[in-house]
């Protein structure tokens, strides 16, 4: 295999699921034979000397606050692209273009790299990969579409905005289509649903564009199961978040419902929680046992967080991953999840977890109750099969090989 230089472009290096995953792939490739890996970011949060920070003039936060006022429905669509791209000049990427770069992987792009810059990459015969860790790259600016399918046409009359800025999404999507439609692009897709979203989007050109299945895979030598002693309570882990698409309201209602149908459940359950502290008052009021992990800032701590669990609850109602689903499976932890994201492709009832087909707090409660009732033998089997799922579908070395083959 010939020597290759692969450049990763991300808003930042470790803050947020998409950025952390970009960093993970970059570090994996640094040890890969015949590969030189570089990562360029706007905001550098780590001390990693291999990560290069773009030089740019900071946009004033006043614009973000100004636009936020005009967003609808508590910004459930996560609309953050106001068309003011920070990297909008060829001189800002000249060091990437002139250093024999073979491929560029872009992970998240709200207000980051102007679509016009992609044409410069294309003219230099650089392979361009867009990793769809959300939907922003194929919409007019929304990270998630919920019920809206405007991105399939023009994003006219965007429901994410009210009043004056309803045509901002239309303008953004038009600019993307103009830049993307007639250049060669390869899309990396983590699940079946976003592949369908991509194929139906206005920017997709089935002649010029390729699609590679690239689940949010991991270095499975790092993520592995660990035998735990039998516990007095069944331990469920989850991520706490007030973001509407993260579905925390469903989990709260499911626990209320569970208390009605099985009052003794609080003696049988314990939660391990990552994320924000928004759920803590509720759990204290209900006298439900929990441990809140305020900050997990490295992979060893993250892996240990999963290993302490019996199940991971993914209560998201719309998600590409989340990355916590493959992370938990790789540690041999079964998943309880609504029917979306990677869970739809990976989770099979009674094999490696429980897929809640209806977006219902009562159905979620019944799934949790079923997991409380499992005997140790059945739980051990579910954990073993969860790890097998990871081995079959989430091996980062196999996923990376597909990308390298495409470059070559």
Foldseek 3Di string as FASTA:
>chain_A
DAAAEEEEEEQEQCPDQLNVLSNQLQVVQVPPPSYHYAYEHCDYDDPDPRYHYFDFDDDDCVVVVVQCVFFPDNLLLVFQAQPQAGAEDLVRCVVVLPPRHAEYEYGDGRSHHFLQNVVVCQVSNHAYEYELQFCCLQWLGGRHQVPDLCQLPQQQQPNRGDDDCSCSSSVSSVRSLVRQQPGAHEYEAQDDVVVVSQVSGPNDDPVRYHYDHAHSFHALVLQEADDDDDDQAAEEEEEDDPNVQQQVVLQLVLVVVLCVVPVCNLRHYEYEYEYDCVCVVVCVVSVRHYDYDDDDRDVVSVSVSLNVHLAYERNGNEGQASSVLLSNLSRLHAYEYECYHCCVVQPDPLQQAHYQDDNHSNSSNVRVVVVSPDDPVSSNRNSVRSNVSSVVRRNNVVSVVVVVVVSD
